[in-house]
PDB file of all heavy atoms in Angstrom:
ATOM      1  N   ALA A   1       1.582  -9.941   4.807  1.00  0.00           N
ATOM      2  CA  ALA A   1       0.214  -9.487   4.865  1.00  0.00           C
ATOM      3  C   ALA A   1      -0.123  -8.740   6.145  1.00  0.00           C
ATOM      4  O   ALA A   1      -1.299  -8.587   6.431  1.00  0.00           O
ATOM      5  CB  ALA A   1      -0.781 -10.664   4.663  1.00  0.00           C
ATOM      6  N   ARG A   2       0.879  -8.215   6.840  1.00  0.00           N
ATOM      7  CA  ARG A   2       0.564  -7.398   8.034  1.00  0.00           C
ATOM      8  C   ARG A   2      -0.038  -6.071   7.553  1.00  0.00           C
ATOM      9  O   ARG A   2       0.446  -5.527   6.577  1.00  0.00           O
ATOM     10  CB  ARG A   2       1.804  -7.173   8.887  1.00  0.00           C
ATOM     11  CG  ARG A   2       1.536  -6.345  10.169  1.00  0.00           C
ATOM     12  CD  ARG A   2       2.787  -6.289  11.016  1.00  0.00           C
ATOM     13  NE  ARG A   2       3.078  -7.625  11.553  1.00  0.00           N
ATOM     14  CZ  ARG A   2       4.250  -7.870  12.164  1.00  0.00           C
ATOM     15  NH1 ARG A   2       5.173  -6.933  12.283  1.00  0.00           N
ATOM     16  NH2 ARG A   2       4.454  -9.056  12.658  1.00  0.00           N
ATOM     17  N   GLU A   3      -1.026  -5.614   8.251  1.00  0.00           N
ATOM     18  CA  GLU A   3      -1.767  -4.448   7.734  1.00  0.00           C
ATOM     19  C   GLU A   3      -1.092  -3.110   8.127  1.00  0.00           C
ATOM     20  O   GLU A   3      -0.387  -3.045   9.151  1.00  0.00           O
ATOM     21  CB  GLU A   3      -3.192  -4.457   8.311  1.00  0.00           C
ATOM     22  CG  GLU A   3      -4.064  -5.484   7.700  1.00  0.00           C
ATOM     23  CD  GLU A   3      -5.507  -5.417   8.259  1.00  0.00           C
ATOM     24  OE1 GLU A   3      -5.621  -4.870   9.351  1.00  0.00           O
ATOM     25  OE2 GLU A   3      -6.351  -5.884   7.628  1.00  0.00           O
ATOM     26  N   CYS A   4      -1.272  -2.116   7.299  1.00  0.00           N
ATOM     27  CA  CYS A   4      -0.828  -0.785   7.621  1.00  0.00           C
ATOM     28  C   CYS A   4      -1.874   0.179   7.097  1.00  0.00           C
ATOM     29  O   CYS A   4      -2.331   0.019   5.956  1.00  0.00           O
ATOM     30  CB  CYS A   4       0.492  -0.535   6.943  1.00  0.00           C
ATOM     31  SG  CYS A   4       1.210   1.097   7.308  1.00  0.00           S
ATOM     32  N   LEU A   5      -2.300   1.094   7.903  1.00  0.00           N
ATOM     33  CA  LEU A   5      -3.373   2.035   7.486  1.00  0.00           C
ATOM     34  C   LEU A   5      -2.860   3.166   6.667  1.00  0.00           C
ATOM     35  O   LEU A   5      -1.872   3.828   7.072  1.00  0.00           O
ATOM     36  CB  LEU A   5      -4.079   2.555   8.772  1.00  0.00           C
ATOM     37  CG  LEU A   5      -4.927   1.552   9.519  1.00  0.00           C
ATOM     38  CD1 LEU A   5      -5.549   2.234  10.706  1.00  0.00           C
ATOM     39  CD2 LEU A   5      -6.031   0.952   8.620  1.00  0.00           C
ATOM     40  N   GLY A   6      -3.550   3.388   5.566  1.00  0.00           N
ATOM     41  CA  GLY A   6      -3.199   4.491   4.723  1.00  0.00           C
ATOM     42  C   GLY A   6      -4.136   5.632   5.003  1.00  0.00           C
ATOM     43  O   GLY A   6      -4.907   5.619   5.922  1.00  0.00           O
ATOM     44  N   PRO A   7      -4.100   6.692   4.178  1.00  0.00           N
ATOM     45  CA  PRO A   7      -4.929   7.867   4.345  1.00  0.00           C
ATOM     46  C   PRO A   7      -6.376   7.482   4.329  1.00  0.00           C
ATOM     47  O   PRO A   7      -6.808   6.606   3.569  1.00  0.00           O
ATOM     48  CB  PRO A   7      -4.585   8.721   3.109  1.00  0.00           C
ATOM     49  CG  PRO A   7      -3.177   8.279   2.707  1.00  0.00           C
ATOM     50  CD  PRO A   7      -3.133   6.848   3.013  1.00  0.00           C
ATOM     51  N   GLY A   8      -7.134   8.118   5.201  1.00  0.00           N
ATOM     52  CA  GLY A   8      -8.587   7.845   5.290  1.00  0.00           C
ATOM     53  C   GLY A   8      -8.917   6.495   5.952  1.00  0.00           C
ATOM     54  O   GLY A   8     -10.035   6.069   5.943  1.00  0.00           O
ATOM     55  N   GLY A   9      -7.885   5.890   6.615  1.00  0.00           N
ATOM     56  CA  GLY A   9      -8.163   4.638   7.340  1.00  0.00           C
ATOM     57  C   GLY A   9      -8.260   3.432   6.438  1.00  0.00           C
ATOM     58  O   GLY A   9      -8.654   2.377   6.861  1.00  0.00           O
ATOM     59  N   ARG A  10      -7.834   3.568   5.174  1.00  0.00           N
ATOM     60  CA  ARG A  10      -7.868   2.471   4.240  1.00  0.00           C
ATOM     61  C   ARG A  10      -6.805   1.452   4.651  1.00  0.00           C
ATOM     62  O   ARG A  10      -5.635   1.794   4.922  1.00  0.00           O
ATOM     63  CB  ARG A  10      -7.621   2.988   2.827  1.00  0.00           C
ATOM     64  CG  ARG A  10      -7.803   1.885   1.791  1.00  0.00           C
ATOM     65  CD  ARG A  10      -7.580   2.443   0.419  1.00  0.00           C
ATOM     66  NE  ARG A  10      -7.736   1.453  -0.581  1.00  0.00           N
ATOM     67  CZ  ARG A  10      -7.586   1.692  -1.851  1.00  0.00           C
ATOM     68  NH1 ARG A  10      -7.237   2.898  -2.250  1.00  0.00           N
ATOM     69  NH2 ARG A  10      -7.784   0.782  -2.769  1.00  0.00           N
ATOM     70  N   THR A  11      -7.127   0.201   4.567  1.00  0.00           N
ATOM     71  CA  THR A  11      -6.190  -0.835   4.939  1.00  0.00           C
ATOM     72  C   THR A  11      -5.350  -1.324   3.743  1.00  0.00           C
ATOM     73  O   THR A  11      -5.881  -1.659   2.725  1.00  0.00           O
ATOM     74  CB  THR A  11      -7.000  -2.087   5.446  1.00  0.00           C
ATOM     75  OG1 THR A  11      -7.775  -1.702   6.610  1.00  0.00           O
ATOM     76  CG2 THR A  11      -6.058  -3.204   5.943  1.00  0.00           C
ATOM     77  N   TRP A  12      -4.042  -1.317   3.957  1.00  0.00           N
ATOM     78  CA  TRP A  12      -3.096  -1.742   2.936  1.00  0.00           C
ATOM     79  C   TRP A  12      -2.328  -2.934   3.465  1.00  0.00           C
ATOM     80  O   TRP A  12      -1.936  -2.958   4.637  1.00  0.00           O
ATOM     81  CB  TRP A  12      -2.099  -0.636   2.594  1.00  0.00           C
ATOM     82  CG  TRP A  12      -2.732   0.551   1.940  1.00  0.00           C
ATOM     83  CD1 TRP A  12      -3.990   0.616   1.358  1.00  0.00           C
ATOM     84  CD2 TRP A  12      -2.189   1.871   1.738  1.00  0.00           C
ATOM     85  NE1 TRP A  12      -4.214   1.864   0.861  1.00  0.00           N
ATOM     86  CE2 TRP A  12      -3.127   2.645   1.064  1.00  0.00           C
ATOM     87  CE3 TRP A  12      -0.961   2.424   2.125  1.00  0.00           C
ATOM     88  CZ2 TRP A  12      -2.920   3.970   0.775  1.00  0.00           C
ATOM     89  CZ3 TRP A  12      -0.722   3.720   1.834  1.00  0.00           C
ATOM     90  CH2 TRP A  12      -1.674   4.532   1.148  1.00  0.00           C
ATOM     91  N   LEU A  13      -1.997  -3.856   2.612  1.00  0.00           N
ATOM     92  CA  LEU A  13      -1.122  -4.927   2.975  1.00  0.00           C
ATOM     93  C   LEU A  13       0.313  -4.383   2.919  1.00  0.00           C
ATOM     94  O   LEU A  13       0.673  -3.682   1.977  1.00  0.00           O
ATOM     95  CB  LEU A  13      -1.290  -6.140   2.043  1.00  0.00           C
ATOM     96  CG  LEU A  13      -2.642  -6.797   2.119  1.00  0.00           C
ATOM     97  CD1 LEU A  13      -2.723  -7.928   1.113  1.00  0.00           C
ATOM     98  CD2 LEU A  13      -2.986  -7.230   3.538  1.00  0.00           C
ATOM     99  N   GLN A  14       1.107  -4.767   3.930  1.00  0.00           N
ATOM    100  CA  GLN A  14       2.368  -4.072   4.084  1.00  0.00           C
ATOM    101  C   GLN A  14       3.291  -4.305   2.902  1.00  0.00           C
ATOM    102  O   GLN A  14       4.024  -3.382   2.494  1.00  0.00           O
ATOM    103  CB  GLN A  14       3.067  -4.642   5.332  1.00  0.00           C
ATOM    104  CG  GLN A  14       4.230  -3.762   5.802  1.00  0.00           C
ATOM    105  CD  GLN A  14       4.792  -4.259   7.098  1.00  0.00           C
ATOM    106  OE1 GLN A  14       5.352  -5.313   7.136  1.00  0.00           O
ATOM    107  NE2 GLN A  14       4.624  -3.504   8.143  1.00  0.00           N
ATOM    108  N   GLU A  15       3.292  -5.463   2.234  1.00  0.00           N
ATOM    109  CA  GLU A  15       4.124  -5.682   1.137  1.00  0.00           C
ATOM    110  C   GLU A  15       3.957  -4.676   0.008  1.00  0.00           C
ATOM    111  O   GLU A  15       4.858  -4.294  -0.659  1.00  0.00           O
ATOM    112  CB  GLU A  15       3.894  -7.084   0.603  1.00  0.00           C
ATOM    113  CG  GLU A  15       4.825  -7.468  -0.557  1.00  0.00           C
ATOM    114  CD  GLU A  15       4.175  -8.477  -1.478  1.00  0.00           C
ATOM    115  OE1 GLU A  15       3.049  -8.821  -1.300  1.00  0.00           O
ATOM    116  OE2 GLU A  15       4.846  -8.820  -2.495  1.00  0.00           O
ATOM    117  N   ASP A  16       2.676  -4.217  -0.108  1.00  0.00           N
ATOM    118  CA  ASP A  16       2.354  -3.304  -1.175  1.00  0.00           C
ATOM    119  C   ASP A  16       2.867  -1.898  -0.895  1.00  0.00           C
ATOM    120  O   ASP A  16       2.822  -1.020  -1.773  1.00  0.00           O
ATOM    121  CB  ASP A  16       0.844  -3.225  -1.352  1.00  0.00           C
ATOM    122  CG  ASP A  16       0.302  -4.574  -1.781  1.00  0.00           C
ATOM    123  OD1 ASP A  16       0.756  -5.136  -2.785  1.00  0.00           O
ATOM    124  OD2 ASP A  16      -0.534  -5.140  -1.061  1.00  0.00           O
ATOM    125  N   LEU A  17       3.367  -1.648   0.316  1.00  0.00           N
ATOM    126  CA  LEU A  17       3.904  -0.342   0.650  1.00  0.00           C
ATOM    127  C   LEU A  17       5.444  -0.297   0.502  1.00  0.00           C
ATOM    128  O   LEU A  17       6.028   0.737   0.744  1.00  0.00           O
ATOM    129  CB  LEU A  17       3.491   0.064   2.076  1.00  0.00           C
ATOM    130  CG  LEU A  17       2.039   0.121   2.320  1.00  0.00           C
ATOM    131  CD1 LEU A  17       1.771   0.423   3.810  1.00  0.00           C
ATOM    132  CD2 LEU A  17       1.321   1.152   1.455  1.00  0.00           C
ATOM    133  N   LEU A  18       6.022  -1.434   0.111  1.00  0.00           N
ATOM    134  CA  LEU A  18       7.473  -1.463  -0.075  1.00  0.00           C
ATOM    135  C   LEU A  18       7.874  -0.661  -1.301  1.00  0.00           C
ATOM    136  O   LEU A  18       7.133  -0.549  -2.290  1.00  0.00           O
ATOM    137  CB  LEU A  18       7.882  -2.915  -0.267  1.00  0.00           C
ATOM    138  CG  LEU A  18       7.840  -3.790   0.968  1.00  0.00           C
ATOM    139  CD1 LEU A  18       8.117  -5.245   0.590  1.00  0.00           C
ATOM    140  CD2 LEU A  18       8.843  -3.353   2.012  1.00  0.00           C
ATOM    141  N   PRO A  19       9.104  -0.149  -1.308  1.00  0.00           N
ATOM    142  CA  PRO A  19       9.585   0.545  -2.491  1.00  0.00           C
ATOM    143  C   PRO A  19       9.499  -0.318  -3.697  1.00  0.00           C
ATOM    144  O   PRO A  19       9.882  -1.499  -3.663  1.00  0.00           O
ATOM    145  CB  PRO A  19      11.045   0.892  -2.115  1.00  0.00           C
ATOM    146  CG  PRO A  19      11.070   0.910  -0.633  1.00  0.00           C
ATOM    147  CD  PRO A  19      10.092  -0.125  -0.218  1.00  0.00           C
ATOM    148  N   GLY A  20       9.019   0.170  -4.790  1.00  0.00           N
ATOM    149  CA  GLY A  20       8.900  -0.572  -6.014  1.00  0.00           C
ATOM    150  C   GLY A  20       7.600  -1.239  -6.135  1.00  0.00           C
ATOM    151  O   GLY A  20       7.268  -1.759  -7.209  1.00  0.00           O
ATOM    152  N   ALA A  21       6.776  -1.308  -5.076  1.00  0.00           N
ATOM    153  CA  ALA A  21       5.500  -1.962  -5.135  1.00  0.00           C
ATOM    154  C   ALA A  21       4.443  -1.010  -5.653  1.00  0.00           C
ATOM    155  O   ALA A  21       3.347  -1.388  -5.970  1.00  0.00           O
ATOM    156  CB  ALA A  21       5.085  -2.489  -3.801  1.00  0.00           C
ATOM    157  N   SER A  22       4.762   0.317  -5.683  1.00  0.00           N
ATOM    158  CA  SER A  22       3.793   1.256  -6.094  1.00  0.00           C
ATOM    159  C   SER A  22       4.148   1.829  -7.477  1.00  0.00           C
ATOM    160  O   SER A  22       5.322   1.953  -7.818  1.00  0.00           O
ATOM    161  CB  SER A  22       3.752   2.421  -5.082  1.00  0.00           C
ATOM    162  OG  SER A  22       3.465   1.939  -3.807  1.00  0.00           O
ATOM    163  N   SER A  23       3.142   2.177  -8.208  1.00  0.00           N
ATOM    164  CA  SER A  23       3.384   2.837  -9.474  1.00  0.00           C
ATOM    165  C   SER A  23       3.133   4.320  -9.309  1.00  0.00           C
ATOM    166  O   SER A  23       2.761   4.760  -8.253  1.00  0.00           O
ATOM    167  CB  SER A  23       2.371   2.285 -10.516  1.00  0.00           C
ATOM    168  OG  SER A  23       1.046   2.489 -10.087  1.00  0.00           O
ATOM    169  N   VAL A  24       3.371   5.057 -10.350  1.00  0.00           N
ATOM    170  CA  VAL A  24       3.166   6.497 -10.275  1.00  0.00           C
ATOM    171  C   VAL A  24       1.700   6.833  -9.915  1.00  0.00           C
ATOM    172  O   VAL A  24       0.794   6.287 -10.552  1.00  0.00           O
ATOM    173  CB  VAL A  24       3.565   7.159 -11.618  1.00  0.00           C
ATOM    174  CG1 VAL A  24       3.362   8.663 -11.544  1.00  0.00           C
ATOM    175  CG2 VAL A  24       5.021   6.804 -11.956  1.00  0.00           C
ATOM    176  N   GLY A  25       1.547   7.730  -8.961  1.00  0.00           N
ATOM    177  CA  GLY A  25       0.207   8.130  -8.620  1.00  0.00           C
ATOM    178  C   GLY A  25      -0.329   7.478  -7.362  1.00  0.00           C
ATOM    179  O   GLY A  25      -1.521   7.600  -7.084  1.00  0.00           O
ATOM    180  N   GLY A  26       0.471   6.761  -6.608  1.00  0.00           N
ATOM    181  CA  GLY A  26      -0.020   6.201  -5.341  1.00  0.00           C
ATOM    182  C   GLY A  26       0.192   4.666  -5.294  1.00  0.00           C
ATOM    183  O   GLY A  26       0.763   4.093  -6.213  1.00  0.00           O
ATOM    184  N   PRO A  27      -0.232   4.061  -4.223  1.00  0.00           N
ATOM    185  CA  PRO A  27       0.018   2.661  -3.952  1.00  0.00           C
ATOM    186  C   PRO A  27      -0.924   1.761  -4.800  1.00  0.00           C
ATOM    187  O   PRO A  27      -1.749   1.021  -4.220  1.00  0.00           O
ATOM    188  CB  PRO A  27      -0.255   2.527  -2.456  1.00  0.00           C
ATOM    189  CG  PRO A  27      -1.297   3.567  -2.198  1.00  0.00           C
ATOM    190  CD  PRO A  27      -0.996   4.692  -3.096  1.00  0.00           C
ATOM    191  N   ARG A  28      -0.763   1.788  -6.129  1.00  0.00           N
ATOM    192  CA  ARG A  28      -1.633   1.013  -6.969  1.00  0.00           C
ATOM    193  C   ARG A  28      -1.204  -0.476  -7.006  1.00  0.00           C
ATOM    194  O   ARG A  28      -1.824  -1.292  -7.668  1.00  0.00           O
ATOM    195  CB  ARG A  28      -1.681   1.578  -8.374  1.00  0.00           C
ATOM    196  CG  ARG A  28      -2.188   2.982  -8.422  1.00  0.00           C
ATOM    197  CD  ARG A  28      -2.430   3.470  -9.854  1.00  0.00           C
ATOM    198  NE  ARG A  28      -3.347   2.626 -10.537  1.00  0.00           N
ATOM    199  CZ  ARG A  28      -4.704   2.767 -10.442  1.00  0.00           C
ATOM    200  NH1 ARG A  28      -5.191   3.690  -9.625  1.00  0.00           N
ATOM    201  NH2 ARG A  28      -5.496   2.015 -11.156  1.00  0.00           N
ATOM    202  N   GLY A  29      -0.073  -0.776  -6.309  1.00  0.00           N
ATOM    203  CA  GLY A  29       0.354  -2.136  -6.164  1.00  0.00           C
ATOM    204  C   GLY A  29      -0.377  -2.881  -5.059  1.00  0.00           C
ATOM    205  O   GLY A  29      -0.013  -4.012  -4.754  1.00  0.00           O
ATOM    206  N   LEU A  30      -1.292  -2.231  -4.402  1.00  0.00           N
ATOM    207  CA  LEU A  30      -2.075  -2.828  -3.311  1.00  0.00           C
ATOM    208  C   LEU A  30      -2.655  -4.125  -3.760  1.00  0.00           C
ATOM    209  O   LEU A  30      -3.220  -4.254  -4.873  1.00  0.00           O
ATOM    210  CB  LEU A  30      -3.147  -1.842  -2.880  1.00  0.00           C
ATOM    211  CG  LEU A  30      -4.047  -2.265  -1.717  1.00  0.00           C
ATOM    212  CD1 LEU A  30      -3.217  -2.435  -0.461  1.00  0.00           C
ATOM    213  CD2 LEU A  30      -5.092  -1.189  -1.496  1.00  0.00           C
ATOM    214  N   ALA A  31      -2.561  -5.220  -2.887  1.00  0.00           N
ATOM    215  CA  ALA A  31      -3.057  -6.503  -3.307  1.00  0.00           C
ATOM    216  C   ALA A  31      -4.498  -6.513  -3.695  1.00  0.00           C
ATOM    217  O   ALA A  31      -4.904  -7.113  -4.639  1.00  0.00           O
ATOM    218  CB  ALA A  31      -2.842  -7.480  -2.148  1.00  0.00           C
TER     219      ALA A  31
END
């Protein structure tokens, strides 16, 4: 759950930025 900032300053949980955690069209795997 360490944070990583995405575009626009949006906060993402780091696990959701791992390969395979996202679907087509962006990080929709965000917690």
